PDB file of N, CA and C in Angstrom:
ATOM      1  N   MET A   1       7.561  18.764   6.155  1.00  0.00           N
ATOM      2  CA  MET A   1       7.457  17.399   6.594  1.00  0.00           C
ATOM      3  C   MET A   1       8.726  16.625   6.226  1.00  0.00           C
ATOM      4  N   TYR A   2       9.200  16.796   4.992  1.00  0.00           N
ATOM      5  CA  TYR A   2      10.389  16.059   4.571  1.00  0.00           C
ATOM      6  C   TYR A   2      11.625  16.521   5.339  1.00  0.00           C
ATOM      7  N   GLY A   3      11.681  17.797   5.638  1.00  0.00           N
ATOM      8  CA  GLY A   3      12.787  18.301   6.445  1.00  0.00           C
ATOM      9  C   GLY A   3      12.784  17.705   7.843  1.00  0.00           C
ATOM     10  N   TRP A   4      11.603  17.569   8.412  1.00  0.00           N
ATOM     11  CA  TRP A   4      11.486  16.981   9.741  1.00  0.00           C
ATOM     12  C   TRP A   4      11.965  15.535   9.715  1.00  0.00           C
ATOM     13  N   ILE A   5      11.554  14.777   8.688  1.00  0.00           N
ATOM     14  CA  ILE A   5      11.996  13.384   8.575  1.00  0.00           C
ATOM     15  C   ILE A   5      13.507  13.326   8.405  1.00  0.00           C
ATOM     16  N   TRP A   6      14.050  14.178   7.533  1.00  0.00           N
ATOM     17  CA  TRP A   6      15.498  14.179   7.274  1.00  0.00           C
ATOM     18  C   TRP A   6      16.283  14.488   8.546  1.00  0.00           C
ATOM     19  N   ARG A   7      15.820  15.457   9.317  1.00  0.00           N
ATOM     20  CA  ARG A   7      16.533  15.820  10.553  1.00  0.00           C
ATOM     21  C   ARG A   7      16.491  14.709  11.589  1.00  0.00           C
ATOM     22  N   HIS A   8      15.451  13.893  11.592  1.00  0.00           N
ATOM     23  CA  HIS A   8      15.312  12.864  12.617  1.00  0.00           C
ATOM     24  C   HIS A   8      15.898  11.509  12.221  1.00  0.00           C
ATOM     25  N   LEU A   9      16.341  11.372  10.980  1.00  0.00           N
ATOM     26  CA  LEU A   9      17.010  10.129  10.594  1.00  0.00           C
ATOM     27  C   LEU A   9      18.438  10.118  11.143  1.00  0.00           C
ATOM     28  N   PRO A  10      18.897   8.964  11.623  1.00  0.00           N
ATOM     29  CA  PRO A  10      20.258   8.898  12.173  1.00  0.00           C
ATOM     30  C   PRO A  10      21.305   8.799  11.070  1.00  0.00           C
ATOM     31  N   GLY A  11      22.536   9.153  11.396  1.00  0.00           N
ATOM     32  CA  GLY A  11      23.658   8.936  10.490  1.00  0.00           C
ATOM     33  C   GLY A  11      24.033  10.154   9.666  1.00  0.00           C
ATOM     34  N   ASN A  12      25.012   9.928   8.779  1.00  0.00           N
ATOM     35  CA  ASN A  12      25.476  11.002   7.916  1.00  0.00           C
ATOM     36  C   ASN A  12      24.578  11.095   6.681  1.00  0.00           C
ATOM     37  N   VAL A  13      24.986  11.862   5.686  1.00  0.00           N
ATOM     38  CA  VAL A  13      24.152  12.104   4.512  1.00  0.00           C
ATOM     39  C   VAL A  13      23.867  10.808   3.754  1.00  0.00           C
ATOM     40  N   TRP A  14      24.864   9.938   3.590  1.00  0.00           N
ATOM     41  CA  TRP A  14      24.674   8.702   2.841  1.00  0.00           C
ATOM     42  C   TRP A  14      23.729   7.745   3.557  1.00  0.00           C
ATOM     43  N   VAL A  15      23.838   7.656   4.850  1.00  0.00           N
ATOM     44  CA  VAL A  15      22.942   6.797   5.630  1.00  0.00           C
ATOM     45  C   VAL A  15      21.522   7.348   5.571  1.00  0.00           C
ATOM     46  N   LYS A  16      21.390   8.660   5.692  1.00  0.00           N
ATOM     47  CA  LYS A  16      20.067   9.280   5.602  1.00  0.00           C
ATOM     48  C   LYS A  16      19.461   9.066   4.225  1.00  0.00           C
ATOM     49  N   ALA A  17      20.274   9.166   3.172  1.00  0.00           N
ATOM     50  CA  ALA A  17      19.766   8.944   1.816  1.00  0.00           C
ATOM     51  C   ALA A  17      19.300   7.503   1.651  1.00  0.00           C
ATOM     52  N   LEU A  18      20.052   6.552   2.158  1.00  0.00           N
ATOM     53  CA  LEU A  18      19.669   5.150   2.077  1.00  0.00           C
ATOM     54  C   LEU A  18      18.392   4.880   2.866  1.00  0.00           C
ATOM     55  N   LEU A  19      18.299   5.415   4.065  1.00  0.00           N
ATOM     56  CA  LEU A  19      17.090   5.244   4.874  1.00  0.00           C
ATOM     57  C   LEU A  19      15.883   5.910   4.214  1.00  0.00           C
ATOM     58  N   SER A  20      16.103   7.058   3.583  1.00  0.00           N
ATOM     59  CA  SER A  20      15.014   7.725   2.868  1.00  0.00           C
ATOM     60  C   SER A  20      14.520   6.868   1.717  1.00  0.00           C
ATOM     61  N   LEU A  21      15.444   6.261   0.993  1.00  0.00           N
ATOM     62  CA  LEU A  21      15.073   5.373  -0.104  1.00  0.00           C
ATOM     63  C   LEU A  21      14.280   4.175   0.414  1.00  0.00           C
ATOM     64  N   VAL A  22      14.706   3.609   1.534  1.00  0.00           N
ATOM     65  CA  VAL A  22      13.987   2.487   2.134  1.00  0.00           C
ATOM     66  C   VAL A  22      12.585   2.909   2.547  1.00  0.00           C
ATOM     67  N   LEU A  23      12.444   4.092   3.110  1.00  0.00           N
ATOM     68  CA  LEU A  23      11.118   4.589   3.500  1.00  0.00           C
ATOM     69  C   LEU A  23      10.212   4.783   2.298  1.00  0.00           C
ATOM     70  N   VAL A  24      10.753   5.312   1.208  1.00  0.00           N
ATOM     71  CA  VAL A  24       9.956   5.514  -0.003  1.00  0.00           C
ATOM     72  C   VAL A  24       9.521   4.176  -0.583  1.00  0.00           C
ATOM     73  N   VAL A  25      10.442   3.221  -0.651  1.00  0.00           N
ATOM     74  CA  VAL A  25      10.100   1.892  -1.168  1.00  0.00           C
ATOM     75  C   VAL A  25       9.043   1.232  -0.286  1.00  0.00           C
ATOM     76  N   ALA A  26       9.157   1.369   1.012  1.00  0.00           N
ATOM     77  CA  ALA A  26       8.170   0.793   1.925  1.00  0.00           C
ATOM     78  C   ALA A  26       6.803   1.454   1.740  1.00  0.00           C
ATOM     79  N   ALA A  27       6.773   2.756   1.550  1.00  0.00           N
ATOM     80  CA  ALA A  27       5.504   3.455   1.343  1.00  0.00           C
ATOM     81  C   ALA A  27       4.846   3.008   0.034  1.00  0.00           C
ATOM     82  N   VAL A  28       5.640   2.881  -1.030  1.00  0.00           N
ATOM     83  CA  VAL A  28       5.093   2.432  -2.316  1.00  0.00           C
ATOM     84  C   VAL A  28       4.588   0.996  -2.202  1.00  0.00           C
ATOM     85  N   TYR A  29       5.324   0.149  -1.521  1.00  0.00           N
ATOM     86  CA  TYR A  29       4.901  -1.241  -1.317  1.00  0.00           C
ATOM     87  C   TYR A  29       3.562  -1.295  -0.577  1.00  0.00           C
ATOM     88  N   MET A  30       3.439  -0.530   0.498  1.00  0.00           N
ATOM     89  CA  MET A  30       2.191  -0.504   1.260  1.00  0.00           C
ATOM     90  C   MET A  30       1.032  -0.015   0.409  1.00  0.00           C
ATOM     91  N   LEU A  31       1.265   1.001  -0.418  1.00  0.00           N
ATOM     92  CA  LEU A  31       0.206   1.499  -1.285  1.00  0.00           C
ATOM     93  C   LEU A  31      -0.256   0.427  -2.264  1.00  0.00           C
ATOM     94  N   PHE A  32       0.683  -0.233  -2.942  1.00  0.00           N
ATOM     95  CA  PHE A  32       0.314  -1.224  -3.940  1.00  0.00           C
ATOM     96  C   PHE A  32      -0.269  -2.497  -3.327  1.00  0.00           C
ATOM     97  N   GLN A  33       0.130  -2.869  -2.131  1.00  0.00           N
ATOM     98  CA  GLN A  33      -0.339  -4.100  -1.523  1.00  0.00           C
ATOM     99  C   GLN A  33      -1.655  -3.948  -0.768  1.00  0.00           C
ATOM    100  N   TYR A  34      -1.892  -2.781  -0.175  1.00  0.00           N
ATOM    101  CA  TYR A  34      -3.039  -2.638   0.709  1.00  0.00           C
ATOM    102  C   TYR A  34      -4.000  -1.523   0.310  1.00  0.00           C
ATOM    103  N   VAL A  35      -3.497  -0.349   0.017  1.00  0.00           N
ATOM    104  CA  VAL A  35      -4.378   0.800  -0.217  1.00  0.00           C
ATOM    105  C   VAL A  35      -5.047   0.724  -1.584  1.00  0.00           C
ATOM    106  N   PHE A  36      -4.286   0.512  -2.647  1.00  0.00           N
ATOM    107  CA  PHE A  36      -4.865   0.488  -3.988  1.00  0.00           C
ATOM    108  C   PHE A  36      -5.862  -0.658  -4.181  1.00  0.00           C
ATOM    109  N   PRO A  37      -5.556  -1.888  -3.736  1.00  0.00           N
ATOM    110  CA  PRO A  37      -6.568  -2.944  -3.879  1.00  0.00           C
ATOM    111  C   PRO A  37      -7.847  -2.651  -3.087  1.00  0.00           C
ATOM    112  N   TRP A  38      -7.714  -2.028  -1.945  1.00  0.00           N
ATOM    113  CA  TRP A  38      -8.887  -1.676  -1.151  1.00  0.00           C
ATOM    114  C   TRP A  38      -9.720  -0.599  -1.851  1.00  0.00           C
ATOM    115  N   ALA A  39      -9.059   0.394  -2.458  1.00  0.00           N
ATOM    116  CA  ALA A  39      -9.764   1.519  -3.054  1.00  0.00           C
ATOM    117  C   ALA A  39     -10.270   1.233  -4.467  1.00  0.00           C
ATOM    118  N   GLU A  40      -9.740   0.230  -5.139  1.00  0.00           N
ATOM    119  CA  GLU A  40     -10.090  -0.025  -6.544  1.00  0.00           C
ATOM    120  C   GLU A  40     -11.587  -0.236  -6.764  1.00  0.00           C
ATOM    121  N   PRO A  41     -12.295  -1.009  -5.933  1.00  0.00           N
ATOM    122  CA  PRO A  41     -13.741  -1.162  -6.170  1.00  0.00           C
ATOM    123  C   PRO A  41     -14.524   0.134  -5.966  1.00  0.00           C
ATOM    124  N   LEU A  42     -13.972   1.064  -5.248  1.00  0.00           N
ATOM    125  CA  LEU A  42     -14.669   2.324  -4.985  1.00  0.00           C
ATOM    126  C   LEU A  42     -14.498   3.345  -6.104  1.00  0.00           C
ATOM    127  N   LEU A  43     -13.565   3.106  -7.022  1.00  0.00           N
ATOM    128  CA  LEU A  43     -13.272   4.058  -8.089  1.00  0.00           C
ATOM    129  C   LEU A  43     -14.055   3.701  -9.354  1.00  0.00           C
ATOM    130  N   PRO A  44     -14.400   4.710 -10.153  1.00  0.00           N
ATOM    131  CA  PRO A  44     -15.268   4.460 -11.317  1.00  0.00           C
ATOM    132  C   PRO A  44     -14.507   4.076 -12.584  1.00  0.00           C
ATOM    133  N   PHE A  45     -13.468   3.263 -12.518  1.00  0.00           N
ATOM    134  CA  PHE A  45     -12.699   2.913 -13.707  1.00  0.00           C
ATOM    135  C   PHE A  45     -13.472   1.980 -14.637  1.00  0.00           C
ATOM    136  N   GLY A  46     -14.425   1.221 -14.145  1.00  0.00           N
ATOM    137  CA  GLY A  46     -15.199   0.316 -14.969  1.00  0.00           C
ATOM    138  C   GLY A  46     -16.389   0.972 -15.643  1.00  0.00           C
ATOM    139  N   ASP A  47     -16.687   2.223 -15.298  1.00  0.00           N
ATOM    140  CA  ASP A  47     -17.825   2.933 -15.868  1.00  0.00           C
ATOM    141  C   ASP A  47     -17.404   3.645 -17.143  1.00  0.00           C
ATOM    142  N   VAL A  48     -17.455   2.937 -18.263  1.00  0.00           N
ATOM    143  CA  VAL A  48     -17.074   3.536 -19.536  1.00  0.00           C
ATOM    144  C   VAL A  48     -18.303   4.117 -20.210  1.00  0.00           C
ATOM    145  N   THR A  49     -18.112   5.169 -20.980  1.00  0.00           N
ATOM    146  CA  THR A  49     -19.229   5.812 -21.667  1.00  0.00           C
ATOM    147  C   THR A  49     -19.122   5.681 -23.177  1.00  0.00           C
ATOM    148  N   VAL A  50     -18.280   4.805 -23.662  1.00  0.00           N
ATOM    149  CA  VAL A  50     -18.123   4.592 -25.092  1.00  0.00           C
ATOM    150  C   VAL A  50     -19.242   3.680 -25.578  1.00  0.00           C
ATOM    151  N   ASP A  51     -19.923   4.092 -26.636  1.00  0.00           N
ATOM    152  CA  ASP A  51     -20.998   3.300 -27.200  1.00  0.00           C
ATOM    153  C   ASP A  51     -20.414   2.259 -28.143  1.00  0.00           C
ATOM    154  N   GLU A  52     -20.706   1.002 -27.899  1.00  0.00           N
ATOM    155  CA  GLU A  52     -20.140  -0.064 -28.722  1.00  0.00           C
ATOM    156  C   GLU A  52     -20.825  -0.176 -30.073  1.00  0.00           C
ATOM    157  N   GLY A  53     -21.987   0.435 -30.278  1.00  0.00           N
ATOM    158  CA  GLY A  53     -22.711   0.325 -31.528  1.00  0.00           C
ATOM    159  C   GLY A  53     -22.197   1.265 -32.611  1.00  0.00           C
ATOM    160  N   MET A  54     -21.458   2.280 -32.263  1.00  0.00           N
ATOM    161  CA  MET A  54     -20.961   3.258 -33.230  1.00  0.00           C
ATOM    162  C   MET A  54     -19.683   2.742 -33.881  1.00  0.00           C
ATOM    163  N   PRO A  55     -19.599   2.743 -35.224  1.00  0.00           N
ATOM    164  CA  PRO A  55     -18.333   2.357 -35.869  1.00  0.00           C
ATOM    165  C   PRO A  55     -17.282   3.432 -35.685  1.00  0.00           C
ATOM    166  N   ALA A  56     -16.037   3.020 -35.728  1.00  0.00           N
ATOM    167  CA  ALA A  56     -14.917   3.959 -35.534  1.00  0.00           C
ATOM    168  C   ALA A  56     -14.864   4.946 -36.689  1.00  0.00           C
ATOM    169  N   GLY A  57     -14.523   6.185 -36.391  1.00  0.00           N
ATOM    170  CA  GLY A  57     -14.344   7.205 -37.404  1.00  0.00           C
ATOM    171  C   GLY A  57     -15.597   7.996 -37.724  1.00  0.00           C
ATOM    172  N   ARG A  58     -16.669   7.788 -37.025  1.00  0.00           N
ATOM    173  CA  ARG A  58     -17.898   8.564 -37.277  1.00  0.00           C
ATOM    174  C   ARG A  58     -18.226   9.464 -36.136  1.00  0.00           C
TER     175      ARG A  58
END
């Protein structure tokens, strides 16, 4: 997949590297702005199994 993207980007190696960096930054931005907030309520991060009544070290 990455080879296909690299071959289809225009320009020389430096232009392709810059465009690749822009694509990665755009993908990370989309994940943090749209995908992660949407998926967060569906994930069990709030389901803790630690008992609050037990003192530490026992």
